[in-house]
Amino acid sequence: MTQYDSEDFSYLDIRDFFDAYDRHDPYMLAAVSQLNGDLRDSAPHLLKKQATWYQEWVWGGKRDLLTGLRVRNDKFIYPAK
């Protein structure tokens, strides 16, 4: 019996993981790599630039990974006060 066979299996909300993600934690890096591989094996269409989620992501704009600020023409875009 796997975790998927259980009747009380509930889905994880991936948004919770984005909030807590630490790109320097080796366990989190390993988990994300595993998820990427599982997606590639089971749902490769989700890893293409034509995927709906990716198009939504792109509309959000490029952000600096350390500050979270938007970046345009290699300059930070600060939020309006």
N, C-alpha and C. Protein backbone atom coordinates (compact mmCIF):
# COMPACT_ATOMS: atom_id res chain seq x y z
N MET A 1 0.85 -1.19 0.00
CA MET A 1 0.00 0.00 0.00
C MET A 1 0.89 1.25 0.00
N THR A 2 0.59 2.18 -0.86
CA THR A 2 1.33 3.43 -0.93
C THR A 2 0.50 4.54 -0.32
N GLN A 3 1.11 5.71 -0.16
CA GLN A 3 0.38 6.84 0.39
C GLN A 3 -0.79 7.23 -0.50
N TYR A 4 -0.72 6.91 -1.79
CA TYR A 4 -1.77 7.28 -2.72
C TYR A 4 -2.97 6.35 -2.62
N ASP A 5 -2.80 5.19 -2.00
CA ASP A 5 -3.89 4.24 -1.87
C ASP A 5 -4.79 4.55 -0.68
N SER A 6 -4.34 5.36 0.22
CA SER A 6 -5.09 5.68 1.42
C SER A 6 -6.29 6.56 1.09
N GLU A 7 -7.42 6.26 1.70
CA GLU A 7 -8.63 7.05 1.44
C GLU A 7 -8.54 8.44 2.06
N ASP A 8 -7.74 8.60 3.12
CA ASP A 8 -7.67 9.89 3.77
C ASP A 8 -6.51 10.75 3.25
N PHE A 9 -5.96 10.38 2.10
CA PHE A 9 -4.86 11.14 1.50
C PHE A 9 -5.37 12.52 1.12
N SER A 10 -4.72 13.55 1.62
CA SER A 10 -5.09 14.92 1.24
C SER A 10 -3.95 15.53 0.44
N TYR A 11 -4.30 16.42 -0.44
CA TYR A 11 -3.33 17.05 -1.31
C TYR A 11 -2.55 18.13 -0.56
N LEU A 12 -1.29 18.25 -0.89
CA LEU A 12 -0.45 19.31 -0.36
C LEU A 12 -0.70 20.57 -1.18
N ASP A 13 -0.58 21.71 -0.57
CA ASP A 13 -0.70 22.98 -1.29
C ASP A 13 0.71 23.50 -1.53
N ILE A 14 1.14 23.49 -2.77
CA ILE A 14 2.52 23.85 -3.11
C ILE A 14 2.85 25.28 -2.73
N ARG A 15 1.83 26.13 -2.61
CA ARG A 15 2.08 27.53 -2.22
C ARG A 15 2.71 27.62 -0.83
N ASP A 16 2.37 26.69 0.05
CA ASP A 16 2.97 26.67 1.38
C ASP A 16 4.48 26.46 1.31
N PHE A 17 4.92 25.68 0.35
CA PHE A 17 6.34 25.40 0.23
C PHE A 17 7.11 26.60 -0.33
N PHE A 18 6.49 27.38 -1.19
CA PHE A 18 7.15 28.59 -1.69
C PHE A 18 7.41 29.57 -0.55
N ASP A 19 6.48 29.67 0.38
CA ASP A 19 6.64 30.59 1.51
C ASP A 19 7.83 30.22 2.38
N ALA A 20 8.10 28.93 2.52
CA ALA A 20 9.14 28.47 3.43
C ALA A 20 10.43 28.05 2.73
N TYR A 21 10.49 28.20 1.42
CA TYR A 21 11.63 27.68 0.66
C TYR A 21 12.94 28.40 1.01
N ASP A 22 13.96 27.61 1.26
CA ASP A 22 15.31 28.13 1.55
C ASP A 22 16.25 27.49 0.53
N ARG A 23 16.68 28.27 -0.43
CA ARG A 23 17.50 27.72 -1.52
C ARG A 23 18.88 27.26 -1.07
N HIS A 24 19.23 27.49 0.19
CA HIS A 24 20.52 27.04 0.71
C HIS A 24 20.41 25.76 1.54
N ASP A 25 19.20 25.30 1.76
CA ASP A 25 18.98 24.08 2.54
C ASP A 25 19.10 22.87 1.62
N PRO A 26 20.07 21.97 1.86
CA PRO A 26 20.28 20.84 0.95
C PRO A 26 19.08 19.91 0.87
N TYR A 27 18.29 19.79 1.94
CA TYR A 27 17.11 18.93 1.90
C TYR A 27 16.03 19.52 1.02
N MET A 28 15.88 20.84 1.09
CA MET A 28 14.89 21.48 0.23
C MET A 28 15.32 21.42 -1.23
N LEU A 29 16.61 21.61 -1.49
CA LEU A 29 17.11 21.50 -2.86
C LEU A 29 16.88 20.10 -3.41
N ALA A 30 17.13 19.08 -2.58
CA ALA A 30 16.91 17.70 -3.00
C ALA A 30 15.43 17.44 -3.26
N ALA A 31 14.57 17.99 -2.41
CA ALA A 31 13.13 17.80 -2.59
C ALA A 31 12.64 18.45 -3.88
N VAL A 32 13.12 19.65 -4.17
CA VAL A 32 12.72 20.34 -5.40
C VAL A 32 13.25 19.60 -6.62
N SER A 33 14.45 19.08 -6.54
CA SER A 33 15.01 18.29 -7.64
C SER A 33 14.18 17.03 -7.87
N GLN A 34 13.77 16.40 -6.78
CA GLN A 34 12.93 15.20 -6.90
C GLN A 34 11.58 15.53 -7.52
N LEU A 35 10.98 16.63 -7.08
CA LEU A 35 9.70 17.06 -7.64
C LEU A 35 9.84 17.35 -9.13
N ASN A 36 10.92 18.03 -9.51
CA ASN A 36 11.17 18.33 -10.92
C ASN A 36 11.27 17.04 -11.74
N GLY A 37 12.01 16.07 -11.22
CA GLY A 37 12.14 14.79 -11.92
C GLY A 37 10.82 14.05 -12.02
N ASP A 38 10.04 14.07 -10.93
CA ASP A 38 8.73 13.41 -10.95
C ASP A 38 7.81 14.07 -11.96
N LEU A 39 7.83 15.40 -12.02
CA LEU A 39 7.01 16.10 -13.01
C LEU A 39 7.46 15.76 -14.43
N ARG A 40 8.76 15.73 -14.63
CA ARG A 40 9.29 15.39 -15.96
C ARG A 40 8.84 14.00 -16.39
N ASP A 41 8.80 13.07 -15.42
CA ASP A 41 8.40 11.70 -15.73
C ASP A 41 6.89 11.54 -15.90
N SER A 42 6.12 12.21 -15.04
CA SER A 42 4.68 11.98 -14.99
C SER A 42 3.84 13.02 -15.73
N ALA A 43 4.32 14.24 -15.80
CA ALA A 43 3.53 15.32 -16.40
C ALA A 43 4.45 16.32 -17.10
N PRO A 44 5.19 15.88 -18.12
CA PRO A 44 6.17 16.76 -18.76
C PRO A 44 5.56 18.02 -19.36
N HIS A 45 4.28 17.98 -19.71
CA HIS A 45 3.64 19.18 -20.28
C HIS A 45 3.64 20.35 -19.29
N LEU A 46 3.73 20.06 -17.99
CA LEU A 46 3.75 21.12 -16.99
C LEU A 46 5.08 21.85 -16.92
N LEU A 47 6.11 21.28 -17.54
CA LEU A 47 7.44 21.90 -17.51
C LEU A 47 7.78 22.58 -18.83
N LYS A 48 6.78 22.85 -19.62
CA LYS A 48 6.99 23.56 -20.89
C LYS A 48 6.55 25.01 -20.74
N LYS A 49 7.17 25.89 -21.50
CA LYS A 49 6.85 27.32 -21.42
C LYS A 49 5.43 27.63 -21.87
N GLN A 50 4.79 26.70 -22.55
CA GLN A 50 3.41 26.90 -22.98
C GLN A 50 2.40 26.55 -21.87
N ALA A 51 2.88 25.98 -20.77
CA ALA A 51 1.99 25.59 -19.67
C ALA A 51 1.30 26.84 -19.10
N THR A 52 0.04 26.69 -18.76
CA THR A 52 -0.74 27.81 -18.24
C THR A 52 -0.11 28.44 -17.01
N TRP A 53 0.37 27.61 -16.07
CA TRP A 53 0.96 28.17 -14.83
C TRP A 53 2.18 29.00 -15.15
N TYR A 54 2.97 28.57 -16.15
CA TYR A 54 4.18 29.31 -16.48
C TYR A 54 3.84 30.65 -17.11
N GLN A 55 2.81 30.68 -17.94
CA GLN A 55 2.39 31.94 -18.54
C GLN A 55 1.93 32.92 -17.48
N GLU A 56 1.23 32.43 -16.45
CA GLU A 56 0.82 33.28 -15.33
C GLU A 56 2.04 33.79 -14.58
N TRP A 57 3.02 32.91 -14.39
CA TRP A 57 4.26 33.27 -13.68
C TRP A 57 4.99 34.39 -14.42
N VAL A 58 5.09 34.26 -15.72
CA VAL A 58 5.80 35.25 -16.54
C VAL A 58 5.14 36.62 -16.42
N TRP A 59 3.82 36.65 -16.36
CA TRP A 59 3.12 37.93 -16.26
C TRP A 59 3.47 38.65 -14.96
N GLY A 60 3.93 37.91 -13.95
CA GLY A 60 4.31 38.52 -12.68
C GLY A 60 5.58 39.35 -12.79
N GLY A 61 6.40 39.11 -13.79
CA GLY A 61 7.62 39.87 -13.99
C GLY A 61 8.82 39.25 -13.30
N LYS A 62 10.01 39.62 -13.76
CA LYS A 62 11.26 39.12 -13.19
C LYS A 62 11.49 39.77 -11.83
N ARG A 63 11.97 38.96 -10.87
CA ARG A 63 12.25 39.47 -9.53
C ARG A 63 13.65 39.07 -9.09
N ASP A 64 14.24 39.92 -8.28
CA ASP A 64 15.53 39.62 -7.66
C ASP A 64 15.30 38.54 -6.61
N LEU A 65 16.12 37.49 -6.63
CA LEU A 65 15.92 36.36 -5.72
C LEU A 65 16.22 36.70 -4.27
N LEU A 66 17.07 37.67 -4.01
CA LEU A 66 17.40 38.02 -2.62
C LEU A 66 16.41 39.00 -2.02
N THR A 67 16.00 40.00 -2.79
CA THR A 67 15.14 41.05 -2.25
C THR A 67 13.66 40.85 -2.58
N GLY A 68 13.37 40.13 -3.65
CA GLY A 68 11.99 39.97 -4.09
C GLY A 68 11.48 41.14 -4.89
N LEU A 69 12.33 42.16 -5.07
CA LEU A 69 11.92 43.33 -5.84
C LEU A 69 11.87 43.01 -7.33
N ARG A 70 10.96 43.67 -8.03
CA ARG A 70 10.89 43.51 -9.48
C ARG A 70 12.15 44.10 -10.10
N VAL A 71 12.56 43.53 -11.23
CA VAL A 71 13.75 44.00 -11.95
C VAL A 71 13.35 44.28 -13.39
N ARG A 72 13.75 45.47 -13.85
CA ARG A 72 13.50 45.83 -15.25
C ARG A 72 14.74 46.54 -15.75
N ASN A 73 15.29 46.08 -16.87
CA ASN A 73 16.52 46.65 -17.43
C ASN A 73 17.65 46.66 -16.39
N ASP A 74 17.75 45.56 -15.66
CA ASP A 74 18.79 45.37 -14.63
C ASP A 74 18.74 46.39 -13.49
N LYS A 75 17.57 47.01 -13.28
CA LYS A 75 17.39 47.96 -12.19
C LYS A 75 16.20 47.54 -11.35
N PHE A 76 16.30 47.74 -10.03
CA PHE A 76 15.20 47.42 -9.14
C PHE A 76 14.03 48.36 -9.35
N ILE A 77 12.83 47.82 -9.28
CA ILE A 77 11.61 48.62 -9.32
C ILE A 77 11.03 48.59 -7.89
N TYR A 78 11.09 49.72 -7.21
CA TYR A 78 10.61 49.78 -5.83
C TYR A 78 9.11 50.01 -5.82
N PRO A 79 8.41 49.42 -4.85
CA PRO A 79 6.96 49.61 -4.78
C PRO A 79 6.59 51.06 -4.51
N ALA A 80 5.46 51.48 -5.03
CA ALA A 80 4.97 52.85 -4.78
C ALA A 80 4.62 52.99 -3.31
N LYS A 81 4.88 54.17 -2.77
CA LYS A 81 4.58 54.42 -1.34
C LYS A 81 3.23 55.02 -1.17
